Protein backbone atom coordinates (compact mmCIF):
# COMPACT_ATOMS: atom_id res chain seq x y z
CA MET A 1 99.61 136.82 13.01
CA SER A 2 99.14 136.73 15.94
CA THR A 3 100.53 132.87 17.91
CA ILE A 4 98.94 131.16 20.95
CA ILE A 5 101.04 128.15 22.02
CA VAL A 6 98.58 125.90 24.16
CA GLY A 7 101.38 123.90 26.56
CA ALA A 8 104.74 125.55 28.09
CA GLY A 9 106.58 122.23 28.60
CA HIS A 10 110.18 121.76 27.09
CA ALA A 11 108.15 122.09 23.39
CA GLY A 12 105.66 125.06 23.98
CA GLY A 13 108.73 126.77 25.70
CA SER A 14 110.95 126.22 22.43
CA VAL A 15 108.39 126.79 20.57
CA ALA A 16 108.40 129.91 21.41
CA ALA A 17 111.89 130.73 22.23
CA MET A 18 112.93 129.95 17.91
CA LEU A 19 109.88 132.07 17.09
CA ARG A 20 111.77 134.85 18.56
CA GLN A 21 115.18 133.56 17.48
CA ASN A 22 113.55 133.52 13.84
CA GLY A 23 112.61 137.12 13.96
CA TYR A 24 108.85 136.23 14.72
CA ALA A 25 107.41 139.66 16.29
CA GLU A 26 103.56 138.99 16.44
CA PRO A 27 102.13 139.08 19.81
CA LEU A 28 102.98 135.61 21.14
CA THR A 29 100.87 133.83 23.97
CA LEU A 30 102.48 131.11 25.72
CA ILE A 31 100.04 129.84 28.02
CA GLY A 32 100.60 126.40 30.96
CA GLU A 33 98.13 124.55 33.35
CA GLU A 34 101.36 124.09 35.99
CA SER A 35 102.46 126.85 38.34
CA HIS A 36 105.94 127.03 36.59
CA PRO A 37 107.62 128.25 33.63
CA PRO A 38 109.16 126.20 30.53
CA TYR A 39 111.25 123.37 32.20
CA GLN A 40 113.84 120.55 31.64
CA ARG A 41 111.40 116.94 33.14
CA PRO A 42 114.77 114.80 32.77
CA PRO A 43 116.26 115.89 35.39
CA LEU A 44 113.22 115.11 37.85
CA SER A 45 114.12 111.76 38.08
CA LYS A 46 117.74 112.03 38.52
CA GLY A 47 120.28 115.32 39.42
CA TRP A 48 116.45 116.66 41.17
CA LEU A 49 115.39 113.74 43.51
CA LYS A 50 119.38 113.64 44.85
CA GLY A 51 119.54 117.16 45.62
CA GLU A 52 122.03 117.72 42.74
CA ILE A 53 119.91 120.35 40.95
CA GLY A 54 116.64 123.08 42.20
CA GLU A 55 114.40 124.53 40.36
CA GLU A 56 116.41 127.27 38.77
CA GLY A 57 118.43 125.13 37.80
CA LEU A 58 115.58 123.34 35.78
CA LEU A 59 114.22 126.49 34.04
CA LEU A 60 115.16 126.46 30.34
CA ARG A 61 115.24 130.41 30.19
CA PRO A 62 115.13 132.71 33.28
CA ARG A 63 111.46 133.37 34.96
CA ASP A 64 111.49 137.38 33.31
CA TRP A 65 113.71 136.02 29.79
CA TYR A 66 109.31 135.83 28.71
CA ALA A 67 108.32 139.63 29.43
CA GLU A 68 111.71 140.65 28.21
CA ALA A 69 111.47 138.85 24.62
CA ASP A 70 107.54 141.00 24.49
CA ILE A 71 105.89 136.73 25.43
CA ASP A 72 102.28 136.88 27.13
CA LEU A 73 103.53 133.37 29.76
CA ARG A 74 100.61 132.71 31.82
CA THR A 75 100.93 130.43 34.49
CA SER A 76 98.26 128.42 35.76
CA THR A 77 95.83 128.92 33.23
CA ARG A 78 93.99 125.70 31.28
CA VAL A 79 92.19 125.69 27.82
CA VAL A 80 88.90 123.87 27.99
CA GLN A 81 87.76 124.05 24.46
CA ILE A 82 89.04 125.02 20.89
CA ASP A 83 86.56 126.52 18.03
CA ARG A 84 88.16 126.04 14.95
CA ALA A 85 85.35 128.03 13.31
CA THR A 86 86.14 131.27 15.46
CA LYS A 87 89.58 130.44 16.10
CA THR A 88 89.43 131.13 19.48
CA LEU A 89 89.68 129.32 22.98
CA THR A 90 88.35 129.60 25.97
CA LEU A 91 90.21 128.88 29.37
CA SER A 92 88.80 127.33 33.05
CA SER A 93 88.27 131.02 33.72
CA GLU A 94 85.53 131.73 30.61
CA GLU A 95 87.95 134.45 29.16
CA THR A 96 88.47 133.73 25.63
CA LEU A 97 91.38 134.43 23.49
CA SER A 98 91.36 134.69 19.29
CA TYR A 99 94.29 133.11 17.57
CA GLU A 100 95.24 133.57 14.11
CA THR A 101 97.87 130.50 14.59
CA LEU A 102 97.36 127.71 17.53
CA VAL A 103 100.26 125.72 18.62
CA LEU A 104 99.25 122.46 20.80
CA ALA A 105 101.89 121.59 23.05
CA THR A 106 100.01 119.47 25.74
CA GLY A 107 102.33 116.80 26.04
CA ALA A 108 101.49 113.12 27.48
CA ARG A 109 99.95 112.01 30.96
CA ALA A 110 101.40 108.78 32.38
CA ARG A 111 99.25 105.90 32.25
CA ARG A 112 97.25 104.53 35.43
CA LEU A 113 96.45 100.92 36.83
CA VAL A 114 93.00 100.78 37.17
CA LEU A 115 92.66 97.68 39.88
CA PRO A 116 91.44 96.84 43.40
CA GLY A 117 93.13 99.72 45.93
CA SER A 118 94.22 102.18 42.85
CA ASP A 119 93.00 104.13 44.75
CA LEU A 120 94.54 104.57 48.05
CA GLY A 121 96.54 107.18 48.76
CA GLY A 122 101.02 106.39 48.15
CA PHE A 123 99.91 106.04 44.95
CA LEU A 124 103.18 107.89 42.79
CA GLU A 125 103.46 110.23 38.68
CA LEU A 126 107.30 111.39 37.60
CA ARG A 127 105.38 114.12 35.39
CA THR A 128 105.87 117.13 37.54
CA ILE A 129 108.44 118.96 39.80
CA ASP A 130 105.82 118.97 42.31
CA ASP A 131 106.10 115.50 41.66
CA ALA A 132 109.56 115.08 41.90
CA GLU A 133 109.01 117.35 44.75
CA MET A 134 106.70 114.92 46.56
CA PHE A 135 109.27 111.94 45.97
CA LYS A 136 112.14 113.81 48.15
CA ALA A 137 110.32 113.54 51.34
CA TYR A 138 109.35 109.61 50.51
CA PHE A 139 113.26 108.29 49.44
CA LYS A 140 115.17 107.37 52.80
CA PRO A 141 116.40 104.72 54.44
CA GLY A 142 113.83 101.76 54.91
CA PHE A 143 111.17 103.16 53.02
CA ARG A 144 110.13 100.96 50.38
CA LEU A 145 109.47 101.63 46.49
CA ALA A 146 107.27 99.46 45.07
CA ILE A 147 107.64 99.78 40.33
CA ILE A 148 105.77 98.82 37.98
CA GLY A 149 106.97 99.05 34.98
CA GLY A 150 110.69 97.80 34.12
CA GLY A 151 110.99 101.08 31.40
CA TYR A 152 113.08 104.36 31.59
CA VAL A 153 111.59 106.09 34.39
CA GLY A 154 111.14 103.07 36.58
CA LEU A 155 114.81 102.35 36.22
CA GLU A 156 115.98 106.31 36.05
CA VAL A 157 113.61 106.77 39.54
CA ALA A 158 115.00 103.31 40.83
CA ALA A 159 118.49 104.65 40.32
CA SER A 160 117.96 107.74 42.77
CA ALA A 161 115.95 106.13 45.21
CA ARG A 162 118.18 103.07 45.93
CA LYS A 163 120.90 106.12 46.09
CA LEU A 164 118.86 107.67 48.82
CA GLY A 165 118.85 104.60 50.75
CA ALA A 166 115.31 103.20 50.08
CA ASP A 167 114.44 99.78 49.41
CA VAL A 168 112.86 99.27 45.71
CA ASP A 169 111.61 96.46 44.33
CA VAL A 170 110.66 96.09 40.16
CA LEU A 171 107.59 94.64 39.37
CA GLU A 172 107.73 93.66 35.05
CA ARG A 173 105.02 91.32 33.19
CA GLU A 174 107.51 90.80 30.87
CA ASP A 175 110.30 88.73 31.14
CA ARG A 176 112.75 91.11 30.70
CA LEU A 177 113.46 95.14 31.12
CA LEU A 178 113.05 97.81 28.85
CA ALA A 179 110.81 94.94 26.87
CA ARG A 180 109.17 97.10 24.19
CA VAL A 181 112.45 99.27 23.43
CA ALA A 182 115.55 97.79 24.12
CA GLY A 183 117.41 94.62 22.81
CA PRO A 184 118.17 91.72 24.80
CA VAL A 185 122.00 92.73 25.18
CA LEU A 186 121.06 96.32 26.99
CA SER A 187 118.27 94.67 28.70
CA ASP A 188 120.43 91.63 30.75
CA PHE A 189 123.03 94.58 31.99
CA PHE A 190 120.57 97.07 32.82
CA ARG A 191 119.30 94.52 35.30
CA GLY A 192 123.20 93.30 36.64
CA VAL A 193 123.81 96.74 37.52
CA HIS A 194 120.25 97.59 38.66
CA GLU A 195 121.15 94.06 41.22
CA GLY A 196 124.34 95.26 42.13
CA HIS A 197 122.97 98.67 43.86
CA GLY A 198 119.81 96.49 45.26
CA VAL A 199 117.38 96.11 43.18
CA ARG A 200 115.28 93.80 43.29
CA PHE A 201 113.61 92.38 40.48
CA HIS A 202 110.19 90.72 39.82
CA PHE A 203 109.66 89.50 36.04
CA GLY A 204 106.34 87.82 34.78
CA VAL A 205 104.10 88.72 36.78
CA GLU A 206 100.81 90.00 37.02
CA ILE A 207 99.10 92.21 39.63
CA GLU A 208 95.73 91.90 41.29
CA GLY A 209 95.41 94.92 43.72
CA PHE A 210 96.10 97.10 46.05
CA GLU A 211 96.30 96.58 49.85
CA GLY A 212 95.84 99.24 51.94
CA LEU A 213 96.02 100.43 55.63
CA ASP A 214 94.51 103.55 57.31
CA GLY A 215 93.79 104.84 53.37
CA HIS A 216 97.17 104.45 52.62
CA VAL A 217 98.93 101.77 49.72
CA SER A 218 100.81 99.50 52.35
CA GLY A 219 101.47 96.29 49.83
CA VAL A 220 100.99 95.10 45.75
CA ARG A 221 98.99 92.11 45.93
CA LEU A 222 99.91 89.75 42.73
CA ALA A 223 98.09 86.95 40.53
CA ASN A 224 100.39 84.01 42.29
CA GLY A 225 98.02 85.20 46.02
CA GLY A 226 101.83 86.81 46.91
CA VAL A 227 101.73 90.38 48.95
CA LEU A 228 104.83 92.20 47.89
CA HIS A 229 104.85 95.06 50.93
CA CYS A 230 104.94 98.78 50.14
CA ASP A 231 104.96 102.19 51.03
CA ALA A 232 104.50 103.62 47.91
CA VAL A 233 104.00 102.67 44.15
CA LEU A 234 105.33 104.22 41.21
CA VAL A 235 103.04 103.05 38.38
CA GLY A 236 105.62 103.49 35.21
CA ILE A 237 103.84 101.41 32.56
CA GLY A 238 103.74 104.32 29.33
CA ALA A 239 101.82 107.35 28.76
CA ILE A 240 98.94 108.43 27.15
CA PRO A 241 98.86 111.06 24.82
CA ASN A 242 96.93 115.08 26.37
CA ASP A 243 94.69 115.14 22.73
CA ASP A 244 91.64 115.38 24.07
CA LEU A 245 91.28 119.19 23.37
CA ALA A 246 92.51 118.31 19.70
CA ARG A 247 89.64 115.34 19.43
CA GLU A 248 87.01 117.72 20.90
CA ALA A 249 88.08 120.37 18.18
CA GLY A 250 88.00 118.10 15.59
CA LEU A 251 91.61 117.26 14.70
CA ALA A 252 92.98 114.35 13.22
CA CYS A 253 93.65 111.98 16.52
CA ASP A 254 95.72 108.68 15.72
CA ASN A 255 97.31 107.38 19.22
CA GLY A 256 98.39 111.52 19.29
CA VAL A 257 97.01 114.67 17.23
CA VAL A 258 98.41 113.31 13.48
CA VAL A 259 101.21 115.85 12.06
CA ASP A 260 103.14 116.59 8.79
CA GLY A 261 106.70 116.99 8.27
CA GLN A 262 106.07 120.52 8.98
CA ALA A 263 104.37 120.11 12.48
CA ARG A 264 101.24 120.94 10.32
CA THR A 265 97.78 119.06 12.11
CA SER A 266 94.36 118.60 9.85
CA ASP A 267 94.41 122.51 10.31
CA ALA A 268 96.41 124.54 8.34
CA ASP A 269 96.51 127.07 10.77
CA ILE A 270 97.41 124.22 14.15
CA PHE A 271 100.37 122.95 14.96
CA ALA A 272 100.96 120.37 17.42
CA VAL A 273 104.40 119.47 18.88
CA GLY A 274 106.38 116.68 21.35
CA ASP A 275 104.53 114.32 23.13
CA LEU A 276 100.95 114.25 21.76
CA THR A 277 101.84 114.27 17.92
CA HIS A 278 101.94 111.26 15.81
CA ARG A 279 104.68 112.18 13.80
CA PRO A 280 106.19 110.74 10.20
CA MET A 281 109.05 109.18 10.17
CA PRO A 282 110.53 108.28 6.60
CA LEU A 283 114.29 107.43 7.82
CA TYR A 284 111.55 104.54 8.33
CA GLY A 285 108.83 105.01 6.23
CA ARG A 286 106.02 105.26 9.38
CA THR A 287 104.08 107.42 11.47
CA LEU A 288 104.60 106.56 15.24
CA ARG A 289 104.55 108.82 18.46
CA LEU A 290 107.85 109.59 19.40
CA GLU A 291 108.28 110.75 23.61
CA SER A 292 112.08 112.62 23.62
CA VAL A 293 112.96 116.21 24.48
CA PRO A 294 114.52 115.59 21.25
CA ASN A 295 111.98 114.38 18.79
CA ALA A 296 110.37 117.54 20.98
CA LEU A 297 112.86 120.00 20.04
CA GLU A 298 112.92 118.93 15.64
CA GLN A 299 108.82 119.48 16.16
CA ALA A 300 109.63 123.16 17.10
CA ARG A 301 112.25 124.34 14.90
CA GLN A 302 109.45 122.45 12.58
CA ALA A 303 105.85 124.39 13.71
CA ALA A 304 108.87 127.81 14.44
CA ALA A 305 110.04 127.86 11.28
CA ALA A 306 106.07 127.52 9.36
CA ILE A 307 104.74 130.17 11.49
CA SER A 308 107.65 132.51 10.60
CA GLY A 309 108.56 132.17 6.94
CA ALA A 310 112.22 130.81 7.90
CA PRO A 311 113.99 128.10 5.97
CA GLU A 312 112.39 124.03 6.82
CA PRO A 313 115.10 122.88 9.16
CA LYS A 314 116.47 119.74 7.64
CA PRO A 315 115.10 116.31 9.71
CA ASP A 316 117.11 115.04 12.65
CA THR A 317 117.99 111.10 13.55
CA PRO A 318 116.05 109.98 16.76
CA TRP A 319 117.48 109.54 19.48
CA PHE A 320 117.57 109.50 23.68
CA TRP A 321 119.08 109.54 26.26
CA SER A 322 119.17 108.24 30.28
CA ASP A 323 121.78 108.33 33.27
CA GLN A 324 121.75 105.59 35.74
CA TYR A 325 124.18 105.15 38.28
CA ASP A 326 127.94 106.05 36.49
CA LEU A 327 125.74 105.28 33.35
CA LYS A 328 125.63 106.98 30.27
CA LEU A 329 122.94 105.83 27.70
CA GLN A 330 122.41 107.19 24.37
CA ILE A 331 120.61 105.64 21.67
CA ALA A 332 119.79 106.74 18.67
CA GLY A 333 117.47 105.62 15.78
CA LEU A 334 114.49 102.74 15.72
CA PRO A 335 115.62 98.78 15.88
CA PHE A 336 113.08 98.07 12.81
CA ASP A 337 113.19 95.68 10.59
CA VAL A 338 116.53 94.79 12.05
CA ASP A 339 118.27 91.23 10.52
CA GLN A 340 121.72 91.62 12.77
CA VAL A 341 122.88 92.72 16.35
CA VAL A 342 126.01 93.87 16.45
CA THR A 343 127.95 94.39 19.56
CA ARG A 344 130.84 96.01 19.96
CA GLY A 345 132.96 96.32 23.01
CA ASP A 346 132.47 93.94 26.84
CA PRO A 347 129.53 94.91 28.84
CA ALA A 348 131.71 93.58 31.12
CA GLY A 349 134.03 96.73 30.91
CA ARG A 350 130.61 98.98 31.66
CA LYS A 351 131.62 100.70 27.61
CA PHE A 352 129.66 98.81 24.88
CA ALA A 353 127.20 99.65 21.64
CA VAL A 354 124.91 97.83 19.94
CA PHE A 355 124.12 98.36 16.75
CA HIS A 356 121.23 97.12 14.67
CA LEU A 357 121.39 96.22 11.64
CA SER A 358 119.05 96.00 8.28
CA GLY A 359 120.63 95.10 5.50
CA GLY A 360 124.60 96.69 6.52
CA ARG A 361 122.86 100.05 7.18
CA VAL A 362 122.14 101.40 10.42
CA GLN A 363 118.50 101.17 12.13
CA ALA A 364 119.65 101.98 15.55
CA VAL A 365 122.52 101.89 18.00
CA GLU A 366 122.16 101.90 21.97
CA ALA A 367 125.65 103.10 23.39
CA ILE A 368 126.30 103.22 26.94
CA ASN A 369 129.71 105.08 28.37
CA ALA A 370 130.44 105.02 24.57
CA PRO A 371 130.01 108.79 22.57
CA PRO A 372 131.94 107.50 20.01
CA GLU A 373 130.16 105.21 18.53
CA PHE A 374 126.37 106.79 19.56
CA MET A 375 127.90 109.76 17.61
CA ALA A 376 129.22 107.49 14.72
CA GLY A 377 125.75 105.87 15.11
CA ARG A 378 123.92 108.69 13.92
CA GLN A 379 126.17 110.11 11.36
CA TRP A 380 125.08 106.20 9.53
CA LEU A 381 122.30 106.30 11.05
CA ALA A 382 121.39 109.76 8.86
CA SER A 383 124.11 109.00 5.05
CA ARG A 384 122.32 104.84 5.45
CA ARG A 385 126.22 103.60 4.45
CA GLU A 386 126.36 100.72 4.96
CA VAL A 387 129.49 99.38 7.65
CA ASP A 388 130.59 96.00 7.12
CA PRO A 389 129.70 94.20 10.29
CA ALA A 390 133.29 92.35 11.16
CA ARG A 391 135.42 95.81 11.26
CA LEU A 392 131.94 97.26 13.33
CA ALA A 393 132.29 94.56 16.19
CA ASP A 394 136.86 94.92 16.23
CA VAL A 395 137.40 97.50 18.48
CA THR A 396 140.76 97.50 17.37
CA ILE A 397 139.61 99.58 14.65
CA PRO A 398 138.57 102.77 15.36
CA MET A 399 135.07 104.62 14.65
CA LYS A 400 136.66 106.83 11.95
CA GLU A 401 138.06 103.77 10.00
CA VAL A 402 135.44 101.19 10.70
């Protein structure tokens, strides 16, 4: 039973590896549009920009591993059509490939601003190694970077840019950072940290367009008439799932490719994993799209098990991390239906955790430099155990005794 995986990122590369680990011995093809083998993307906004990690350090597995594992890795290759009736793929070279099982792992792309001047040079994206390599030429003392959007990617880039000496302005439409993904305690904390490192924030701003000089962006024009001068712009306002192939093939899509708990799509012979999927989240009784490495790995395990006939893996709790300056943020869960928020520790000490509760049960935990709180929060998420908010807030009580 031959399998083709379309998308050679973290999710697709992991499916291929897990299939072989599960003993799957059938023909296996891994197709990616980039020229690189599967690699880790999170370090691109951190260690890669600061020169602390090179390309070999990013790779999920050594370049020669794929041939040794009898995986046909095709880089710089694009799939343009899926024919479900004949179970064939058409490549941009017009070559056709036949599959028995197909896995879609095409990820997501950066959402773009379409405003006057947005076609100028100097607009940056951070999705690939090649994108990040371009950043290195820019980030130096005196360079002025405007970041649109106060989300995690923008803040990670801001931290790296400041460490390299660049001037950074962050423009955010909302009245606080991370407004759609984190609580106010975390938002206020990161604002203070970044301002302490010289990042300038502009909240509640509307962007009208961009000014240019000699075909290159030179400023962000605001609706209030002001202009923020810059040498480049990074747009970090979210991502759009790359579900075009799936839609054109008639697969069910809703803000991503709709999958079940085994990562199977509306076609029983086609799976989808990673950032492009809209998946069930039984813990919360909802379906949603997640963008994180742990989510990609969980779905890779689901798909690999279903394809190879291995036991179905246990569901994981959603989690995420972010490194900024000397801070390690770890988040588990999602703050749905929260009726109480408990902060354990003092944010001023740069070591604390925020627990989001519903009926005494943890829905999410946000931990800064606090691994014990993060690990306990993950365990409580899975067990659905009730906790005492007063004991949880008391730092004199060890986490194992809360």
